[in-house]
Amino acid sequence: MKPDMFKEPVTILVGIGFPAKVRSVMDAYRHLSEWPPSVSDSAHSIALNACRAALQGEIEVETARGMFAAFAERHDLLAPDLDAVVATRHSRDRDPHVR
């Protein structure tokens, strides 16, 4: 495993809602680098700096992952947990009283 790999990927929505798994600090850094400057904010800056620091070995990879996930959550980029959605739907299909 590469040293910049996350233990668990962060799944974000890109384009018109296509889920993409961000598996490493470098992947997160690329997404953050492509973020439009006109909508950059402190969450973006913190996540970008954390990714830079992790790539340089100054902070832990999982710390950078947390900052990237927080950025994605703040900007409504986190994809829904599909396992939870499937489980809920499965429960509804089996029990008509579950909504």
Protein backbone atom coordinates (compact mmCIF):
# COMPACT_ATOMS: atom_id res chain seq x y z
CA MET A 1 0.00 0.00 0.00
CA LYS A 2 1.26 3.46 -0.85
CA PRO A 3 2.05 5.63 2.19
CA ASP A 4 -0.54 8.27 1.25
CA MET A 5 -3.50 5.84 1.02
CA PHE A 6 -6.52 6.36 3.28
CA LYS A 7 -7.71 3.46 5.44
CA GLU A 8 -11.21 4.10 4.07
CA PRO A 9 -11.91 6.12 0.93
CA VAL A 10 -14.02 9.27 1.04
CA THR A 11 -16.79 8.98 -1.55
CA ILE A 12 -17.76 12.31 -3.06
CA LEU A 13 -20.14 13.35 -5.80
CA VAL A 14 -18.50 14.82 -8.90
CA GLY A 15 -19.90 16.22 -12.12
CA ILE A 16 -23.66 15.73 -12.18
CA GLY A 17 -23.72 13.51 -9.12
CA PHE A 18 -21.42 10.67 -10.11
CA PRO A 19 -19.83 9.05 -7.02
CA ALA A 20 -16.04 8.96 -6.97
CA LYS A 21 -13.88 7.32 -4.31
CA VAL A 22 -11.02 9.48 -3.08
CA ARG A 23 -8.53 6.88 -1.86
CA SER A 24 -5.39 8.87 -1.11
CA VAL A 25 -3.99 12.20 -0.03
CA MET A 26 -2.86 12.82 -3.61
CA ASP A 27 -6.39 12.19 -4.92
CA ALA A 28 -7.82 14.58 -2.32
CA TYR A 29 -5.15 17.17 -3.16
CA ARG A 30 -6.04 16.96 -6.86
CA HIS A 31 -9.74 17.49 -6.16
CA LEU A 32 -8.97 20.43 -3.91
CA SER A 33 -6.56 21.95 -6.45
CA GLU A 34 -9.31 21.87 -9.09
CA TRP A 35 -11.83 23.63 -6.81
CA PRO A 36 -12.81 27.00 -8.32
CA PRO A 37 -11.01 29.89 -6.58
CA SER A 38 -14.20 31.95 -6.65
CA VAL A 39 -15.86 29.57 -4.14
CA SER A 40 -12.83 28.77 -2.00
CA ASP A 41 -13.30 29.23 1.73
CA SER A 42 -11.57 28.40 4.99
CA ALA A 43 -12.64 24.73 4.83
CA HIS A 44 -10.99 24.47 1.41
CA SER A 45 -7.83 26.19 2.59
CA ILE A 46 -7.54 24.00 5.69
CA ALA A 47 -8.08 20.78 3.72
CA LEU A 48 -5.62 21.81 1.00
CA ASN A 49 -2.95 22.72 3.57
CA ALA A 50 -3.55 19.45 5.44
CA CYS A 51 -3.09 17.45 2.24
CA ARG A 52 0.12 19.33 1.44
CA ALA A 53 1.42 18.67 4.96
CA ALA A 54 0.53 14.96 4.74
CA LEU A 55 2.27 14.63 1.37
CA GLN A 56 5.38 16.14 2.97
CA GLY A 57 5.13 13.77 5.93
CA GLU A 58 4.38 16.56 8.41
CA ILE A 59 1.00 15.20 9.55
CA GLU A 60 -0.75 11.83 9.50
CA VAL A 61 -2.56 10.72 6.35
CA GLU A 62 -5.76 10.12 8.35
CA THR A 63 -5.67 13.69 9.67
CA ALA A 64 -5.65 14.96 6.08
CA ARG A 65 -8.48 12.52 5.28
CA GLY A 66 -10.54 14.01 8.10
CA MET A 67 -9.97 17.55 6.85
CA PHE A 68 -10.90 16.53 3.30
CA ALA A 69 -14.06 14.76 4.52
CA ALA A 70 -15.03 17.85 6.55
CA PHE A 71 -14.53 20.02 3.46
CA ALA A 72 -16.65 17.63 1.37
CA GLU A 73 -19.39 17.56 3.99
CA ARG A 74 -19.46 21.36 4.28
CA HIS A 75 -19.95 21.65 0.52
CA ASP A 76 -22.50 18.82 0.25
CA LEU A 77 -20.13 16.67 -1.79
CA LEU A 78 -20.28 13.52 0.34
CA ALA A 79 -22.06 10.70 -1.41
CA PRO A 80 -24.76 8.94 0.62
CA ASP A 81 -23.78 5.65 2.24
CA LEU A 82 -25.24 3.23 -0.28
CA ASP A 83 -25.17 0.30 2.17
CA ALA A 84 -27.45 2.27 4.52
CA VAL A 85 -29.76 3.23 1.66
CA VAL A 86 -30.01 -0.39 0.48
CA ALA A 87 -30.62 -1.63 4.04
CA THR A 88 -33.41 0.92 4.56
CA ARG A 89 -35.02 0.05 1.27
CA HIS A 90 -34.74 -3.67 2.05
CA SER A 91 -36.46 -3.09 5.42
CA ARG A 92 -39.29 -1.18 3.71
CA ASP A 93 -39.77 -3.93 1.16
CA ARG A 94 -40.06 -6.55 3.89
CA ASP A 95 -42.23 -4.59 6.35
CA PRO A 96 -44.83 -2.22 4.87
CA HIS A 97 -45.11 -0.40 8.24
CA VAL A 98 -41.50 0.85 8.01
CA ARG A 99 -41.24 4.22 6.29
